[in-house]
mmCIF file of all heavy atoms, coordinates in Angstrom:
data_MODEL
# 
_entry.id   MODEL 
# 
loop_
_atom_site.group_PDB 
_atom_site.id 
_atom_site.type_symbol 
_atom_site.label_atom_id 
_atom_site.label_alt_id 
_atom_site.label_comp_id 
_atom_site.label_asym_id 
_atom_site.label_entity_id 
_atom_site.label_seq_id 
_atom_site.pdbx_PDB_ins_code 
_atom_site.Cartn_x 
_atom_site.Cartn_y 
_atom_site.Cartn_z 
_atom_site.occupancy 
_atom_site.B_iso_or_equiv 
_atom_site.pdbx_formal_charge 
_atom_site.auth_seq_id 
_atom_site.auth_comp_id 
_atom_site.auth_asym_id 
_atom_site.auth_atom_id 
_atom_site.pdbx_PDB_model_num 
ATOM 1   N N   . PHE A 1 1  ? 150.665 172.159 116.884 1.00 0.00 ? 1  PHE A N   1 
ATOM 2   C CA  . PHE A 1 1  ? 149.444 171.542 117.291 1.00 0.00 ? 1  PHE A CA  1 
ATOM 3   C C   . PHE A 1 1  ? 148.245 172.467 117.016 1.00 0.00 ? 1  PHE A C   1 
ATOM 4   O O   . PHE A 1 1  ? 148.373 173.650 117.216 1.00 0.00 ? 1  PHE A O   1 
ATOM 5   C CB  . PHE A 1 1  ? 149.468 171.267 118.782 1.00 0.00 ? 1  PHE A CB  1 
ATOM 6   C CG  . PHE A 1 1  ? 150.007 169.847 119.075 1.00 0.00 ? 1  PHE A CG  1 
ATOM 7   C CD1 . PHE A 1 1  ? 151.309 169.682 119.475 1.00 0.00 ? 1  PHE A CD1 1 
ATOM 8   C CD2 . PHE A 1 1  ? 149.201 168.828 118.850 1.00 0.00 ? 1  PHE A CD2 1 
ATOM 9   C CE1 . PHE A 1 1  ? 151.809 168.372 119.697 1.00 0.00 ? 1  PHE A CE1 1 
ATOM 10  C CE2 . PHE A 1 1  ? 149.689 167.456 119.123 1.00 0.00 ? 1  PHE A CE2 1 
ATOM 11  C CZ  . PHE A 1 1  ? 150.941 167.355 119.548 1.00 0.00 ? 1  PHE A CZ  1 
ATOM 12  N N   . PRO A 1 2  ? 147.165 171.960 116.606 1.00 0.00 ? 2  PRO A N   1 
ATOM 13  C CA  . PRO A 1 2  ? 146.752 170.532 116.432 1.00 0.00 ? 2  PRO A CA  1 
ATOM 14  C C   . PRO A 1 2  ? 146.866 169.991 115.071 1.00 0.00 ? 2  PRO A C   1 
ATOM 15  O O   . PRO A 1 2  ? 146.301 168.915 114.790 1.00 0.00 ? 2  PRO A O   1 
ATOM 16  C CB  . PRO A 1 2  ? 145.362 170.564 116.923 1.00 0.00 ? 2  PRO A CB  1 
ATOM 17  C CG  . PRO A 1 2  ? 144.720 171.853 116.416 1.00 0.00 ? 2  PRO A CG  1 
ATOM 18  C CD  . PRO A 1 2  ? 145.912 172.786 116.507 1.00 0.00 ? 2  PRO A CD  1 
ATOM 19  N N   . GLU A 1 3  ? 147.539 170.662 114.041 1.00 0.00 ? 3  GLU A N   1 
ATOM 20  C CA  . GLU A 1 3  ? 147.455 170.270 112.647 1.00 0.00 ? 3  GLU A CA  1 
ATOM 21  C C   . GLU A 1 3  ? 148.468 169.167 112.291 1.00 0.00 ? 3  GLU A C   1 
ATOM 22  O O   . GLU A 1 3  ? 149.708 169.376 112.441 1.00 0.00 ? 3  GLU A O   1 
ATOM 23  C CB  . GLU A 1 3  ? 147.652 171.463 111.746 1.00 0.00 ? 3  GLU A CB  1 
ATOM 24  C CG  . GLU A 1 3  ? 147.382 171.118 110.309 1.00 0.00 ? 3  GLU A CG  1 
ATOM 25  C CD  . GLU A 1 3  ? 147.485 172.299 109.371 1.00 0.00 ? 3  GLU A CD  1 
ATOM 26  O OE1 . GLU A 1 3  ? 147.301 173.411 109.802 1.00 0.00 ? 3  GLU A OE1 1 
ATOM 27  O OE2 . GLU A 1 3  ? 147.537 172.103 108.171 1.00 0.00 ? 3  GLU A OE2 1 
ATOM 28  N N   . VAL A 1 4  ? 147.933 168.083 111.829 1.00 0.00 ? 4  VAL A N   1 
ATOM 29  C CA  . VAL A 1 4  ? 148.772 166.918 111.478 1.00 0.00 ? 4  VAL A CA  1 
ATOM 30  C C   . VAL A 1 4  ? 149.040 167.016 109.910 1.00 0.00 ? 4  VAL A C   1 
ATOM 31  O O   . VAL A 1 4  ? 148.301 167.564 109.105 1.00 0.00 ? 4  VAL A O   1 
ATOM 32  C CB  . VAL A 1 4  ? 148.081 165.603 111.741 1.00 0.00 ? 4  VAL A CB  1 
ATOM 33  C CG1 . VAL A 1 4  ? 147.923 165.433 113.208 1.00 0.00 ? 4  VAL A CG1 1 
ATOM 34  C CG2 . VAL A 1 4  ? 146.805 165.312 110.999 1.00 0.00 ? 4  VAL A CG2 1 
ATOM 35  N N   . GLY A 1 5  ? 150.104 166.396 109.551 1.00 0.00 ? 5  GLY A N   1 
ATOM 36  C CA  . GLY A 1 5  ? 150.507 166.180 108.134 1.00 0.00 ? 5  GLY A CA  1 
ATOM 37  C C   . GLY A 1 5  ? 151.325 164.968 107.899 1.00 0.00 ? 5  GLY A C   1 
ATOM 38  O O   . GLY A 1 5  ? 151.982 164.426 108.809 1.00 0.00 ? 5  GLY A O   1 
ATOM 39  N N   . PHE A 1 6  ? 151.339 164.440 106.765 1.00 0.00 ? 6  PHE A N   1 
ATOM 40  C CA  . PHE A 1 6  ? 152.131 163.254 106.457 1.00 0.00 ? 6  PHE A CA  1 
ATOM 41  C C   . PHE A 1 6  ? 152.486 163.200 104.962 1.00 0.00 ? 6  PHE A C   1 
ATOM 42  O O   . PHE A 1 6  ? 151.806 163.824 104.146 1.00 0.00 ? 6  PHE A O   1 
ATOM 43  C CB  . PHE A 1 6  ? 151.392 161.959 106.841 1.00 0.00 ? 6  PHE A CB  1 
ATOM 44  C CG  . PHE A 1 6  ? 150.012 161.929 106.260 1.00 0.00 ? 6  PHE A CG  1 
ATOM 45  C CD1 . PHE A 1 6  ? 149.728 161.424 105.025 1.00 0.00 ? 6  PHE A CD1 1 
ATOM 46  C CD2 . PHE A 1 6  ? 148.932 162.385 107.009 1.00 0.00 ? 6  PHE A CD2 1 
ATOM 47  C CE1 . PHE A 1 6  ? 148.448 161.385 104.433 1.00 0.00 ? 6  PHE A CE1 1 
ATOM 48  C CE2 . PHE A 1 6  ? 147.616 162.263 106.444 1.00 0.00 ? 6  PHE A CE2 1 
ATOM 49  C CZ  . PHE A 1 6  ? 147.355 161.808 105.207 1.00 0.00 ? 6  PHE A CZ  1 
ATOM 50  N N   . ILE A 1 7  ? 153.603 162.570 104.739 1.00 0.00 ? 7  ILE A N   1 
ATOM 51  C CA  . ILE A 1 7  ? 154.023 162.357 103.281 1.00 0.00 ? 7  ILE A CA  1 
ATOM 52  C C   . ILE A 1 7  ? 154.814 161.065 103.266 1.00 0.00 ? 7  ILE A C   1 
ATOM 53  O O   . ILE A 1 7  ? 155.586 160.734 104.146 1.00 0.00 ? 7  ILE A O   1 
ATOM 54  C CB  . ILE A 1 7  ? 154.905 163.514 102.755 1.00 0.00 ? 7  ILE A CB  1 
ATOM 55  C CG1 . ILE A 1 7  ? 155.102 163.369 101.201 1.00 0.00 ? 7  ILE A CG1 1 
ATOM 56  C CG2 . ILE A 1 7  ? 156.191 163.711 103.517 1.00 0.00 ? 7  ILE A CG2 1 
ATOM 57  C CD1 . ILE A 1 7  ? 155.691 164.587 100.546 1.00 0.00 ? 7  ILE A CD1 1 
ATOM 58  N N   . PHE A 1 8  ? 154.502 160.249 102.260 1.00 0.00 ? 8  PHE A N   1 
ATOM 59  C CA  . PHE A 1 8  ? 155.127 158.881 102.142 1.00 0.00 ? 8  PHE A CA  1 
ATOM 60  C C   . PHE A 1 8  ? 155.629 158.662 100.721 1.00 0.00 ? 8  PHE A C   1 
ATOM 61  O O   . PHE A 1 8  ? 155.142 159.332 99.774  1.00 0.00 ? 8  PHE A O   1 
ATOM 62  C CB  . PHE A 1 8  ? 154.143 157.769 102.359 1.00 0.00 ? 8  PHE A CB  1 
ATOM 63  C CG  . PHE A 1 8  ? 153.650 157.786 103.874 1.00 0.00 ? 8  PHE A CG  1 
ATOM 64  C CD1 . PHE A 1 8  ? 152.507 158.437 104.221 1.00 0.00 ? 8  PHE A CD1 1 
ATOM 65  C CD2 . PHE A 1 8  ? 154.378 157.134 104.766 1.00 0.00 ? 8  PHE A CD2 1 
ATOM 66  C CE1 . PHE A 1 8  ? 152.041 158.416 105.538 1.00 0.00 ? 8  PHE A CE1 1 
ATOM 67  C CE2 . PHE A 1 8  ? 154.011 157.113 106.160 1.00 0.00 ? 8  PHE A CE2 1 
ATOM 68  C CZ  . PHE A 1 8  ? 152.868 157.763 106.520 1.00 0.00 ? 8  PHE A CZ  1 
ATOM 69  N N   . HIS A 1 9  ? 156.679 157.836 100.584 1.00 0.00 ? 9  HIS A N   1 
ATOM 70  C CA  . HIS A 1 9  ? 157.238 157.596 99.303  1.00 0.00 ? 9  HIS A CA  1 
ATOM 71  C C   . HIS A 1 9  ? 156.215 156.939 98.423  1.00 0.00 ? 9  HIS A C   1 
ATOM 72  O O   . HIS A 1 9  ? 155.527 156.056 98.901  1.00 0.00 ? 9  HIS A O   1 
ATOM 73  C CB  . HIS A 1 9  ? 158.469 156.690 99.398  1.00 0.00 ? 9  HIS A CB  1 
ATOM 74  C CG  . HIS A 1 9  ? 159.259 156.716 98.138  1.00 0.00 ? 9  HIS A CG  1 
ATOM 75  N ND1 . HIS A 1 9  ? 158.923 156.022 97.010  1.00 0.00 ? 9  HIS A ND1 1 
ATOM 76  C CD2 . HIS A 1 9  ? 160.457 157.238 97.882  1.00 0.00 ? 9  HIS A CD2 1 
ATOM 77  C CE1 . HIS A 1 9  ? 159.844 156.155 96.109  1.00 0.00 ? 9  HIS A CE1 1 
ATOM 78  N NE2 . HIS A 1 9  ? 160.737 156.905 96.635  1.00 0.00 ? 9  HIS A NE2 1 
ATOM 79  N N   . PRO A 1 10 ? 156.014 157.263 97.219  1.00 0.00 ? 10 PRO A N   1 
ATOM 80  C CA  . PRO A 1 10 ? 155.056 156.710 96.278  1.00 0.00 ? 10 PRO A CA  1 
ATOM 81  C C   . PRO A 1 10 ? 155.044 155.127 96.210  1.00 0.00 ? 10 PRO A C   1 
ATOM 82  O O   . PRO A 1 10 ? 154.036 154.495 96.063  1.00 0.00 ? 10 PRO A O   1 
ATOM 83  C CB  . PRO A 1 10 ? 155.227 157.348 94.931  1.00 0.00 ? 10 PRO A CB  1 
ATOM 84  C CG  . PRO A 1 10 ? 155.831 158.657 95.242  1.00 0.00 ? 10 PRO A CG  1 
ATOM 85  C CD  . PRO A 1 10 ? 156.715 158.453 96.512  1.00 0.00 ? 10 PRO A CD  1 
ATOM 86  N N   . ARG A 1 11 ? 156.254 154.537 96.389  1.00 0.00 ? 11 ARG A N   1 
ATOM 87  C CA  . ARG A 1 11 ? 156.389 153.106 96.329  1.00 0.00 ? 11 ARG A CA  1 
ATOM 88  C C   . ARG A 1 11 ? 155.633 152.378 97.486  1.00 0.00 ? 11 ARG A C   1 
ATOM 89  O O   . ARG A 1 11 ? 155.401 151.196 97.392  1.00 0.00 ? 11 ARG A O   1 
ATOM 90  C CB  . ARG A 1 11 ? 157.839 152.632 96.254  1.00 0.00 ? 11 ARG A CB  1 
ATOM 91  C CG  . ARG A 1 11 ? 158.520 152.747 97.574  1.00 0.00 ? 11 ARG A CG  1 
ATOM 92  C CD  . ARG A 1 11 ? 159.919 152.074 97.546  1.00 0.00 ? 11 ARG A CD  1 
ATOM 93  N NE  . ARG A 1 11 ? 160.608 152.211 98.744  1.00 0.00 ? 11 ARG A NE  1 
ATOM 94  C CZ  . ARG A 1 11 ? 161.360 153.181 99.166  1.00 0.00 ? 11 ARG A CZ  1 
ATOM 95  N NH1 . ARG A 1 11 ? 161.605 154.113 98.312  1.00 0.00 ? 11 ARG A NH1 1 
ATOM 96  N NH2 . ARG A 1 11 ? 162.007 153.164 100.364 1.00 0.00 ? 11 ARG A NH2 1 
ATOM 97  N N   . THR A 1 12 ? 155.186 153.192 98.450  1.00 0.00 ? 12 THR A N   1 
ATOM 98  C CA  . THR A 1 12 ? 154.514 152.566 99.697  1.00 0.00 ? 12 THR A CA  1 
ATOM 99  C C   . THR A 1 12 ? 153.004 152.758 99.564  1.00 0.00 ? 12 THR A C   1 
ATOM 100 O O   . THR A 1 12 ? 152.258 152.202 100.321 1.00 0.00 ? 12 THR A O   1 
ATOM 101 C CB  . THR A 1 12 ? 155.022 153.185 100.955 1.00 0.00 ? 12 THR A CB  1 
ATOM 102 O OG1 . THR A 1 12 ? 154.549 154.495 101.047 1.00 0.00 ? 12 THR A OG1 1 
ATOM 103 C CG2 . THR A 1 12 ? 156.490 153.115 101.127 1.00 0.00 ? 12 THR A CG2 1 
ATOM 104 N N   . TRP A 1 13 ? 152.518 153.551 98.605  1.00 0.00 ? 13 TRP A N   1 
ATOM 105 C CA  . TRP A 1 13 ? 151.091 153.845 98.501  1.00 0.00 ? 13 TRP A CA  1 
ATOM 106 C C   . TRP A 1 13 ? 150.334 152.606 98.279  1.00 0.00 ? 13 TRP A C   1 
ATOM 107 O O   . TRP A 1 13 ? 150.648 151.728 97.567  1.00 0.00 ? 13 TRP A O   1 
ATOM 108 C CB  . TRP A 1 13 ? 150.885 154.889 97.378  1.00 0.00 ? 13 TRP A CB  1 
ATOM 109 C CG  . TRP A 1 13 ? 151.520 156.233 97.660  1.00 0.00 ? 13 TRP A CG  1 
ATOM 110 C CD1 . TRP A 1 13 ? 152.109 156.672 98.738  1.00 0.00 ? 13 TRP A CD1 1 
ATOM 111 C CD2 . TRP A 1 13 ? 151.576 157.299 96.661  1.00 0.00 ? 13 TRP A CD2 1 
ATOM 112 N NE1 . TRP A 1 13 ? 152.498 157.994 98.562  1.00 0.00 ? 13 TRP A NE1 1 
ATOM 113 C CE2 . TRP A 1 13 ? 152.172 158.361 97.328  1.00 0.00 ? 13 TRP A CE2 1 
ATOM 114 C CE3 . TRP A 1 13 ? 151.132 157.447 95.308  1.00 0.00 ? 13 TRP A CE3 1 
ATOM 115 C CZ2 . TRP A 1 13 ? 152.470 159.578 96.602  1.00 0.00 ? 13 TRP A CZ2 1 
ATOM 116 C CZ3 . TRP A 1 13 ? 151.321 158.645 94.702  1.00 0.00 ? 13 TRP A CZ3 1 
ATOM 117 C CH2 . TRP A 1 13 ? 152.010 159.677 95.343  1.00 0.00 ? 13 TRP A CH2 1 
ATOM 118 N N   . GLY A 1 14 ? 149.170 152.616 98.832  1.00 0.00 ? 14 GLY A N   1 
ATOM 119 C CA  . GLY A 1 14 ? 148.249 151.473 98.612  1.00 0.00 ? 14 GLY A CA  1 
ATOM 120 C C   . GLY A 1 14 ? 148.461 150.230 99.430  1.00 0.00 ? 14 GLY A C   1 
ATOM 121 O O   . GLY A 1 14 ? 147.902 149.184 99.218  1.00 0.00 ? 14 GLY A O   1 
ATOM 122 N N   . GLN A 1 15 ? 149.355 150.317 100.397 1.00 0.00 ? 15 GLN A N   1 
ATOM 123 C CA  . GLN A 1 15 ? 149.860 149.196 101.226 1.00 0.00 ? 15 GLN A CA  1 
ATOM 124 C C   . GLN A 1 15 ? 149.303 149.272 102.659 1.00 0.00 ? 15 GLN A C   1 
ATOM 125 O O   . GLN A 1 15 ? 149.699 148.442 103.546 1.00 0.00 ? 15 GLN A O   1 
ATOM 126 C CB  . GLN A 1 15 ? 151.316 149.029 101.261 1.00 0.00 ? 15 GLN A CB  1 
ATOM 127 C CG  . GLN A 1 15 ? 151.940 148.780 99.815  1.00 0.00 ? 15 GLN A CG  1 
ATOM 128 C CD  . GLN A 1 15 ? 153.481 148.756 99.929  1.00 0.00 ? 15 GLN A CD  1 
ATOM 129 O OE1 . GLN A 1 15 ? 154.072 148.396 100.920 1.00 0.00 ? 15 GLN A OE1 1 
ATOM 130 N NE2 . GLN A 1 15 ? 154.086 149.210 98.804  1.00 0.00 ? 15 GLN A NE2 1 
ATOM 131 N N   . GLY A 1 16 ? 148.537 150.301 103.014 1.00 0.00 ? 16 GLY A N   1 
ATOM 132 C CA  . GLY A 1 16 ? 148.071 150.567 104.408 1.00 0.00 ? 16 GLY A CA  1 
ATOM 133 C C   . GLY A 1 16 ? 149.094 151.149 105.297 1.00 0.00 ? 16 GLY A C   1 
ATOM 134 O O   . GLY A 1 16 ? 148.874 151.244 106.514 1.00 0.00 ? 16 GLY A O   1 
ATOM 135 N N   . ILE A 1 17 ? 150.267 151.572 104.767 1.00 0.00 ? 17 ILE A N   1 
ATOM 136 C CA  . ILE A 1 17 ? 151.384 152.158 105.550 1.00 0.00 ? 17 ILE A CA  1 
ATOM 137 C C   . ILE A 1 17 ? 150.861 153.438 106.282 1.00 0.00 ? 17 ILE A C   1 
ATOM 138 O O   . ILE A 1 17 ? 151.064 153.672 107.403 1.00 0.00 ? 17 ILE A O   1 
ATOM 139 C CB  . ILE A 1 17 ? 152.570 152.474 104.700 1.00 0.00 ? 17 ILE A CB  1 
ATOM 140 C CG1 . ILE A 1 17 ? 153.122 151.105 104.068 1.00 0.00 ? 17 ILE A CG1 1 
ATOM 141 C CG2 . ILE A 1 17 ? 153.561 153.168 105.487 1.00 0.00 ? 17 ILE A CG2 1 
ATOM 142 C CD1 . ILE A 1 17 ? 153.967 150.315 104.942 1.00 0.00 ? 17 ILE A CD1 1 
ATOM 143 N N   . GLY A 1 18 ? 150.282 154.272 105.472 1.00 0.00 ? 18 GLY A N   1 
ATOM 144 C CA  . GLY A 1 18 ? 149.796 155.551 105.994 1.00 0.00 ? 18 GLY A CA  1 
ATOM 145 C C   . GLY A 1 18 ? 148.744 155.384 107.154 1.00 0.00 ? 18 GLY A C   1 
ATOM 146 O O   . GLY A 1 18 ? 148.803 156.030 108.212 1.00 0.00 ? 18 GLY A O   1 
ATOM 147 N N   . TYR A 1 19 ? 147.812 154.416 106.994 1.00 0.00 ? 19 TYR A N   1 
ATOM 148 C CA  . TYR A 1 19 ? 146.907 154.190 108.013 1.00 0.00 ? 19 TYR A CA  1 
ATOM 149 C C   . TYR A 1 19 ? 147.495 153.671 109.248 1.00 0.00 ? 19 TYR A C   1 
ATOM 150 O O   . TYR A 1 19 ? 147.290 154.035 110.405 1.00 0.00 ? 19 TYR A O   1 
ATOM 151 C CB  . TYR A 1 19 ? 145.809 153.245 107.502 1.00 0.00 ? 19 TYR A CB  1 
ATOM 152 C CG  . TYR A 1 19 ? 144.758 152.900 108.554 1.00 0.00 ? 19 TYR A CG  1 
ATOM 153 C CD1 . TYR A 1 19 ? 143.733 153.846 108.763 1.00 0.00 ? 19 TYR A CD1 1 
ATOM 154 C CD2 . TYR A 1 19 ? 144.807 151.786 109.219 1.00 0.00 ? 19 TYR A CD2 1 
ATOM 155 C CE1 . TYR A 1 19 ? 142.736 153.621 109.732 1.00 0.00 ? 19 TYR A CE1 1 
ATOM 156 C CE2 . TYR A 1 19 ? 143.879 151.489 110.281 1.00 0.00 ? 19 TYR A CE2 1 
ATOM 157 C CZ  . TYR A 1 19 ? 142.780 152.421 110.504 1.00 0.00 ? 19 TYR A CZ  1 
ATOM 158 O OH  . TYR A 1 19 ? 141.886 152.186 111.473 1.00 0.00 ? 19 TYR A OH  1 
ATOM 159 N N   . GLU A 1 20 ? 148.363 152.714 109.103 1.00 0.00 ? 20 GLU A N   1 
ATOM 160 C CA  . GLU A 1 20 ? 149.139 152.088 110.251 1.00 0.00 ? 20 GLU A CA  1 
ATOM 161 C C   . GLU A 1 20 ? 149.964 153.160 110.985 1.00 0.00 ? 20 GLU A C   1 
ATOM 162 O O   . GLU A 1 20 ? 149.871 153.221 112.246 1.00 0.00 ? 20 GLU A O   1 
ATOM 163 C CB  . GLU A 1 20 ? 150.042 150.969 109.747 1.00 0.00 ? 20 GLU A CB  1 
ATOM 164 C CG  . GLU A 1 20 ? 150.791 150.209 110.839 1.00 0.00 ? 20 GLU A CG  1 
ATOM 165 C CD  . GLU A 1 20 ? 151.555 149.061 110.263 1.00 0.00 ? 20 GLU A CD  1 
ATOM 166 O OE1 . GLU A 1 20 ? 151.162 148.509 109.231 1.00 0.00 ? 20 GLU A OE1 1 
ATOM 167 O OE2 . GLU A 1 20 ? 152.500 148.686 110.977 1.00 0.00 ? 20 GLU A OE2 1 
ATOM 168 N N   . ALA A 1 21 ? 150.707 153.950 110.284 1.00 0.00 ? 21 ALA A N   1 
ATOM 169 C CA  . ALA A 1 21 ? 151.533 154.958 110.884 1.00 0.00 ? 21 ALA A CA  1 
ATOM 170 C C   . ALA A 1 21 ? 150.581 156.031 111.502 1.00 0.00 ? 21 ALA A C   1 
ATOM 171 O O   . ALA A 1 21 ? 150.911 156.433 112.733 1.00 0.00 ? 21 ALA A O   1 
ATOM 172 C CB  . ALA A 1 21 ? 152.402 155.654 109.806 1.00 0.00 ? 21 ALA A CB  1 
ATOM 173 N N   . MET A 1 22 ? 149.602 156.494 110.861 1.00 0.00 ? 22 MET A N   1 
ATOM 174 C CA  . MET A 1 22 ? 148.720 157.609 111.394 1.00 0.00 ? 22 MET A CA  1 
ATOM 175 C C   . MET A 1 22 ? 147.978 157.110 112.584 1.00 0.00 ? 22 MET A C   1 
ATOM 176 O O   . MET A 1 22 ? 147.710 157.873 113.515 1.00 0.00 ? 22 MET A O   1 
ATOM 177 C CB  . MET A 1 22 ? 147.964 158.141 110.319 1.00 0.00 ? 22 MET A CB  1 
ATOM 178 C CG  . MET A 1 22 ? 148.734 159.165 109.384 1.00 0.00 ? 22 MET A CG  1 
ATOM 179 S SD  . MET A 1 22 ? 149.435 160.585 110.281 1.00 0.00 ? 22 MET A SD  1 
ATOM 180 C CE  . MET A 1 22 ? 147.970 161.479 110.743 1.00 0.00 ? 22 MET A CE  1 
ATOM 181 N N   . SER A 1 23 ? 147.529 155.851 112.591 1.00 0.00 ? 23 SER A N   1 
ATOM 182 C CA  . SER A 1 23 ? 146.759 155.273 113.719 1.00 0.00 ? 23 SER A CA  1 
ATOM 183 C C   . SER A 1 23 ? 147.598 155.395 115.011 1.00 0.00 ? 23 SER A C   1 
ATOM 184 O O   . SER A 1 23 ? 147.176 155.810 115.995 1.00 0.00 ? 23 SER A O   1 
ATOM 185 C CB  . SER A 1 23 ? 146.347 153.815 113.414 1.00 0.00 ? 23 SER A CB  1 
ATOM 186 O OG  . SER A 1 23 ? 145.388 153.814 112.392 1.00 0.00 ? 23 SER A OG  1 
ATOM 187 N N   . ALA A 1 24 ? 148.867 154.891 114.814 1.00 0.00 ? 24 ALA A N   1 
ATOM 188 C CA  . ALA A 1 24 ? 149.836 154.911 116.018 1.00 0.00 ? 24 ALA A CA  1 
ATOM 189 C C   . ALA A 1 24 ? 150.038 156.323 116.465 1.00 0.00 ? 24 ALA A C   1 
ATOM 190 O O   . ALA A 1 24 ? 150.061 156.649 117.632 1.00 0.00 ? 24 ALA A O   1 
ATOM 191 C CB  . ALA A 1 24 ? 151.063 154.204 115.639 1.00 0.00 ? 24 ALA A CB  1 
ATOM 192 N N   . PHE A 1 25 ? 150.237 157.216 115.421 1.00 0.00 ? 25 PHE A N   1 
ATOM 193 C CA  . PHE A 1 25 ? 150.539 158.629 115.808 1.00 0.00 ? 25 PHE A CA  1 
ATOM 194 C C   . PHE A 1 25 ? 149.412 159.342 116.411 1.00 0.00 ? 25 PHE A C   1 
ATOM 195 O O   . PHE A 1 25 ? 149.538 160.080 117.468 1.00 0.00 ? 25 PHE A O   1 
ATOM 196 C CB  . PHE A 1 25 ? 150.954 159.414 114.507 1.00 0.00 ? 25 PHE A CB  1 
ATOM 197 C CG  . PHE A 1 25 ? 151.284 160.820 114.900 1.00 0.00 ? 25 PHE A CG  1 
ATOM 198 C CD1 . PHE A 1 25 ? 152.403 161.169 115.656 1.00 0.00 ? 25 PHE A CD1 1 
ATOM 199 C CD2 . PHE A 1 25 ? 150.463 161.806 114.347 1.00 0.00 ? 25 PHE A CD2 1 
ATOM 200 C CE1 . PHE A 1 25 ? 152.711 162.503 115.888 1.00 0.00 ? 25 PHE A CE1 1 
ATOM 201 C CE2 . PHE A 1 25 ? 150.805 163.215 114.746 1.00 0.00 ? 25 PHE A CE2 1 
ATOM 202 C CZ  . PHE A 1 25 ? 151.834 163.513 115.471 1.00 0.00 ? 25 PHE A CZ  1 
ATOM 203 N N   . THR A 1 26 ? 148.153 159.147 115.952 1.00 0.00 ? 26 THR A N   1 
ATOM 204 C CA  . THR A 1 26 ? 146.993 159.824 116.609 1.00 0.00 ? 26 THR A CA  1 
ATOM 205 C C   . THR A 1 26 ? 146.790 159.321 118.062 1.00 0.00 ? 26 THR A C   1 
ATOM 206 O O   . THR A 1 26 ? 146.534 160.016 118.928 1.00 0.00 ? 26 THR A O   1 
ATOM 207 C CB  . THR A 1 26 ? 145.810 159.679 115.785 1.00 0.00 ? 26 THR A CB  1 
ATOM 208 O OG1 . THR A 1 26 ? 145.456 158.303 115.649 1.00 0.00 ? 26 THR A OG1 1 
ATOM 209 C CG2 . THR A 1 26 ? 145.728 160.428 114.428 1.00 0.00 ? 26 THR A CG2 1 
ATOM 210 N N   . ALA A 1 27 ? 147.047 158.037 118.224 1.00 0.00 ? 27 ALA A N   1 
ATOM 211 C CA  . ALA A 1 27 ? 146.968 157.470 119.648 1.00 0.00 ? 27 ALA A CA  1 
ATOM 212 C C   . ALA A 1 27 ? 147.983 158.078 120.519 1.00 0.00 ? 27 ALA A C   1 
ATOM 213 O O   . ALA A 1 27 ? 147.760 158.478 121.674 1.00 0.00 ? 27 ALA A O   1 
ATOM 214 C CB  . ALA A 1 27 ? 147.144 155.987 119.630 1.00 0.00 ? 27 ALA A CB  1 
ATOM 215 N N   . HIS A 1 28 ? 149.230 158.338 119.993 1.00 0.00 ? 28 HIS A N   1 
ATOM 216 C CA  . HIS A 1 28 ? 150.304 158.910 120.670 1.00 0.00 ? 28 HIS A CA  1 
ATOM 217 C C   . HIS A 1 28 ? 149.918 160.396 121.059 1.00 0.00 ? 28 HIS A C   1 
ATOM 218 O O   . HIS A 1 28 ? 150.079 160.894 122.132 1.00 0.00 ? 28 HIS A O   1 
ATOM 219 C CB  . HIS A 1 28 ? 151.538 158.945 119.846 1.00 0.00 ? 28 HIS A CB  1 
ATOM 220 C CG  . HIS A 1 28 ? 152.571 159.916 120.241 1.00 0.00 ? 28 HIS A CG  1 
ATOM 221 N ND1 . HIS A 1 28 ? 153.439 159.735 121.329 1.00 0.00 ? 28 HIS A ND1 1 
ATOM 222 C CD2 . HIS A 1 28 ? 152.911 161.157 119.704 1.00 0.00 ? 28 HIS A CD2 1 
ATOM 223 C CE1 . HIS A 1 28 ? 154.236 160.812 121.303 1.00 0.00 ? 28 HIS A CE1 1 
ATOM 224 N NE2 . HIS A 1 28 ? 153.969 161.660 120.354 1.00 0.00 ? 28 HIS A NE2 1 
# 
């Protein structure tokens, strides 16, 4: 804490997955 990081499989890029996941995580 407090540094966040993320990595996603390239096949998911451009689908809003990162935003959806990180929105939920930051709220958490």
